[in-house]
Amino acid sequence: QVHLVESGGGLVQPGGSLRLSCVASGMITSGVSMAMAWYRQTPGKQRELVAFISSGGYTNYAESVKGRFAISRDNAKNTLLLQMNNLKPDDTAVYYCNSLPIRAGYWGPGTQVTVSS
């Protein structure tokens, strides 16, 4: 069974930075071939795709975070990362990692990011 656990969120001022981590257990070799992604959700809104990375390292980002966020992965450590710079209040959300396409059983608890002065 796959478990994803996100961490690294917190309260940060506008313009600040955070680095999110997602550690996967139970994925073993199957995880290496999966595209992985970061998603975020705010109350009353649908969960949105923030960034994804293919097994080969190809990345893509939502327009709202291009140039500010960077996704990376360490397959040896089963870890997915999201470096977030120049954070804005609109980035406030709970951030989740999952595969792409989404596997419903993979959702973890998420990590709260709050950008506020």
C-alpha atoms as a PDB file:
ATOM      1  CA  GLN A   1       0.000   0.000   0.000  1.00  0.00           C
ATOM      2  CA  VAL A   2       1.286   3.445  -0.923  1.00  0.00           C
ATOM      3  CA  HIS A   3       1.530   6.222   1.625  1.00  0.00           C
ATOM      4  CA  LEU A   4       2.398   9.814   0.782  1.00  0.00           C
ATOM      5  CA  VAL A   5       3.248  12.262   3.548  1.00  0.00           C
ATOM      6  CA  GLU A   6       3.730  15.945   2.862  1.00  0.00           C
ATOM      7  CA  SER A   7       5.676  18.352   5.042  1.00  0.00           C
ATOM      8  CA  GLY A   8       7.356  21.747   4.981  1.00  0.00           C
ATOM      9  CA  GLY A   9       4.366  24.051   5.036  1.00  0.00           C
ATOM     10  CA  GLY A  10       3.953  26.967   7.370  1.00  0.00           C
ATOM     11  CA  LEU A  11       3.256  30.662   7.723  1.00  0.00           C
ATOM     12  CA  VAL A  12       5.381  32.941   5.572  1.00  0.00           C
ATOM     13  CA  GLN A  13       5.254  36.585   4.578  1.00  0.00           C
ATOM     14  CA  PRO A  14       4.614  37.628   0.983  1.00  0.00           C
ATOM     15  CA  GLY A  15       7.839  37.335  -0.972  1.00  0.00           C
ATOM     16  CA  GLY A  16       9.120  34.560   1.245  1.00  0.00           C
ATOM     17  CA  SER A  17      10.059  30.980   0.396  1.00  0.00           C
ATOM     18  CA  LEU A  18       9.150  27.485   1.499  1.00  0.00           C
ATOM     19  CA  ARG A  19      10.305  24.042   0.466  1.00  0.00           C
ATOM     20  CA  LEU A  20       7.747  21.264   0.542  1.00  0.00           C
ATOM     21  CA  SER A  21       8.633  17.586   0.729  1.00  0.00           C
ATOM     22  CA  CYS A  22       6.609  14.498  -0.040  1.00  0.00           C
ATOM     23  CA  VAL A  23       7.950  11.163   1.100  1.00  0.00           C
ATOM     24  CA  ALA A  24       6.475   8.048  -0.437  1.00  0.00           C
ATOM     25  CA  SER A  25       6.490   4.637   1.132  1.00  0.00           C
ATOM     26  CA  GLY A  26       5.339   1.441  -0.449  1.00  0.00           C
ATOM     27  CA  MET A  27       6.008   2.619  -4.020  1.00  0.00           C
ATOM     28  CA  ILE A  28       9.305   0.824  -4.511  1.00  0.00           C
ATOM     29  CA  THR A  29      10.121   0.415  -8.195  1.00  0.00           C
ATOM     30  CA  SER A  30       6.668   1.358  -9.502  1.00  0.00           C
ATOM     31  CA  GLY A  31       7.099   4.884  -8.209  1.00  0.00           C
ATOM     32  CA  VAL A  32      10.162   5.512 -10.312  1.00  0.00           C
ATOM     33  CA  SER A  33       8.164   5.255 -13.535  1.00  0.00           C
ATOM     34  CA  MET A  34       5.287   7.456 -12.382  1.00  0.00           C
ATOM     35  CA  ALA A  35       4.802  11.088 -13.121  1.00  0.00           C
ATOM     36  CA  MET A  36       4.339  12.875  -9.807  1.00  0.00           C
ATOM     37  CA  ALA A  37       2.679  16.170  -9.048  1.00  0.00           C
ATOM     38  CA  TRP A  38       1.865  18.771  -6.476  1.00  0.00           C
ATOM     39  CA  TYR A  39      -1.721  19.909  -6.061  1.00  0.00           C
ATOM     40  CA  ARG A  40      -3.299  22.529  -3.834  1.00  0.00           C
ATOM     41  CA  GLN A  41      -6.734  23.243  -2.499  1.00  0.00           C
ATOM     42  CA  THR A  42      -8.419  26.120  -0.727  1.00  0.00           C
ATOM     43  CA  PRO A  43     -11.823  25.917   0.995  1.00  0.00           C
ATOM     44  CA  GLY A  44     -14.689  26.038  -1.456  1.00  0.00           C
ATOM     45  CA  LYS A  45     -12.475  25.503  -4.500  1.00  0.00           C
ATOM     46  CA  GLN A  46     -11.500  22.500  -6.544  1.00  0.00           C
ATOM     47  CA  ARG A  47      -8.107  20.982  -6.055  1.00  0.00           C
ATOM     48  CA  GLU A  48      -5.765  22.343  -8.716  1.00  0.00           C
ATOM     49  CA  LEU A  49      -2.617  20.994 -10.305  1.00  0.00           C
ATOM     50  CA  VAL A  50       0.372  23.152  -9.377  1.00  0.00           C
ATOM     51  CA  ALA A  51       3.279  21.325 -11.009  1.00  0.00           C
ATOM     52  CA  PHE A  52       4.248  17.904 -12.260  1.00  0.00           C
ATOM     53  CA  ILE A  53       7.411  16.046 -13.127  1.00  0.00           C
ATOM     54  CA  SER A  54       7.701  13.011 -15.357  1.00  0.00           C
ATOM     55  CA  SER A  55       9.792   9.986 -14.612  1.00  0.00           C
ATOM     56  CA  GLY A  56      12.384  11.410 -16.994  1.00  0.00           C
ATOM     57  CA  GLY A  57      12.468  14.814 -15.345  1.00  0.00           C
ATOM     58  CA  TYR A  58      10.207  16.810 -17.658  1.00  0.00           C
ATOM     59  CA  THR A  59       8.406  19.494 -15.668  1.00  0.00           C
ATOM     60  CA  ASN A  60       5.400  21.691 -16.197  1.00  0.00           C
ATOM     61  CA  TYR A  61       3.720  24.317 -14.069  1.00  0.00           C
ATOM     62  CA  ALA A  62       0.454  26.136 -13.645  1.00  0.00           C
ATOM     63  CA  GLU A  63       0.675  29.600 -15.148  1.00  0.00           C
ATOM     64  CA  SER A  64       0.163  31.183 -11.748  1.00  0.00           C
ATOM     65  CA  VAL A  65       3.377  29.667 -10.342  1.00  0.00           C
ATOM     66  CA  LYS A  66       5.689  29.653 -13.376  1.00  0.00           C
ATOM     67  CA  GLY A  67       9.010  31.256 -12.607  1.00  0.00           C
ATOM     68  CA  ARG A  68       8.420  31.034  -8.850  1.00  0.00           C
ATOM     69  CA  PHE A  69       8.038  27.312  -8.082  1.00  0.00           C
ATOM     70  CA  ALA A  70      10.369  24.437  -8.944  1.00  0.00           C
ATOM     71  CA  ILE A  71       9.456  20.763  -8.704  1.00  0.00           C
ATOM     72  CA  SER A  72      12.071  18.038  -8.392  1.00  0.00           C
ATOM     73  CA  ARG A  73      12.302  14.411  -7.398  1.00  0.00           C
ATOM     74  CA  ASP A  74      14.814  12.080  -5.809  1.00  0.00           C
ATOM     75  CA  ASN A  75      13.829   8.595  -6.905  1.00  0.00           C
ATOM     76  CA  ALA A  76      16.449   6.962  -4.717  1.00  0.00           C
ATOM     77  CA  LYS A  77      14.792   8.485  -1.663  1.00  0.00           C
ATOM     78  CA  ASN A  78      11.209   8.258  -2.968  1.00  0.00           C
ATOM     79  CA  THR A  79      10.919  11.990  -2.345  1.00  0.00           C
ATOM     80  CA  LEU A  80       9.163  14.722  -4.273  1.00  0.00           C
ATOM     81  CA  LEU A  81      10.078  18.355  -3.607  1.00  0.00           C
ATOM     82  CA  LEU A  82       8.539  21.727  -4.349  1.00  0.00           C
ATOM     83  CA  GLN A  83      10.646  24.845  -3.925  1.00  0.00           C
ATOM     84  CA  MET A  84       8.354  27.846  -3.656  1.00  0.00           C
ATOM     85  CA  ASN A  85       9.828  31.336  -3.971  1.00  0.00           C
ATOM     86  CA  ASN A  86       8.304  34.811  -4.038  1.00  0.00           C
ATOM     87  CA  LEU A  87       5.174  33.486  -2.383  1.00  0.00           C
ATOM     88  CA  LYS A  88       1.943  35.429  -2.720  1.00  0.00           C
ATOM     89  CA  PRO A  89      -1.220  35.453  -0.597  1.00  0.00           C
ATOM     90  CA  ASP A  90      -2.997  33.606  -3.428  1.00  0.00           C
ATOM     91  CA  ASP A  91      -0.626  30.688  -2.861  1.00  0.00           C
ATOM     92  CA  THR A  92      -2.290  30.050   0.487  1.00  0.00           C
ATOM     93  CA  ALA A  93      -3.700  26.527   0.390  1.00  0.00           C
ATOM     94  CA  VAL A  94      -3.233  22.976   1.551  1.00  0.00           C
ATOM     95  CA  TYR A  95      -0.645  21.350  -0.679  1.00  0.00           C
ATOM     96  CA  TYR A  96      -0.763  17.665  -1.592  1.00  0.00           C
ATOM     97  CA  CYS A  97       1.367  15.356  -3.655  1.00  0.00           C
ATOM     98  CA  ASN A  98       0.001  12.566  -5.797  1.00  0.00           C
ATOM     99  CA  SER A  99       0.744  10.826  -9.038  1.00  0.00           C
ATOM    100  CA  LEU A 100      -0.331  12.127 -12.416  1.00  0.00           C
ATOM    101  CA  PRO A 101      -2.876  10.943 -13.272  1.00  0.00           C
ATOM    102  CA  ILE A 102      -4.258  11.021  -9.764  1.00  0.00           C
ATOM    103  CA  ARG A 103      -4.659   7.817  -7.839  1.00  0.00           C
ATOM    104  CA  ALA A 104      -7.427   8.349  -5.287  1.00  0.00           C
ATOM    105  CA  GLY A 105      -5.861   6.059  -2.737  1.00  0.00           C
ATOM    106  CA  TYR A 106      -2.633   8.029  -2.661  1.00  0.00           C
ATOM    107  CA  TRP A 107      -3.888  11.218  -1.013  1.00  0.00           C
ATOM    108  CA  GLY A 108      -1.958  12.127   2.107  1.00  0.00           C
ATOM    109  CA  PRO A 109      -2.842  14.620   4.829  1.00  0.00           C
ATOM    110  CA  GLY A 110      -1.368  17.582   2.940  1.00  0.00           C
ATOM    111  CA  THR A 111       0.607  20.469   4.365  1.00  0.00           C
ATOM    112  CA  GLN A 112      -0.814  23.924   5.012  1.00  0.00           C
ATOM    113  CA  VAL A 113       0.870  26.910   3.397  1.00  0.00           C
ATOM    114  CA  THR A 114      -0.249  30.328   4.573  1.00  0.00           C
ATOM    115  CA  VAL A 115       1.134  33.477   2.986  1.00  0.00           C
ATOM    116  CA  SER A 116       0.239  36.516   5.014  1.00  0.00           C
ATOM    117  CA  SER A 117       1.788  39.626   6.462  1.00  0.00           C
END
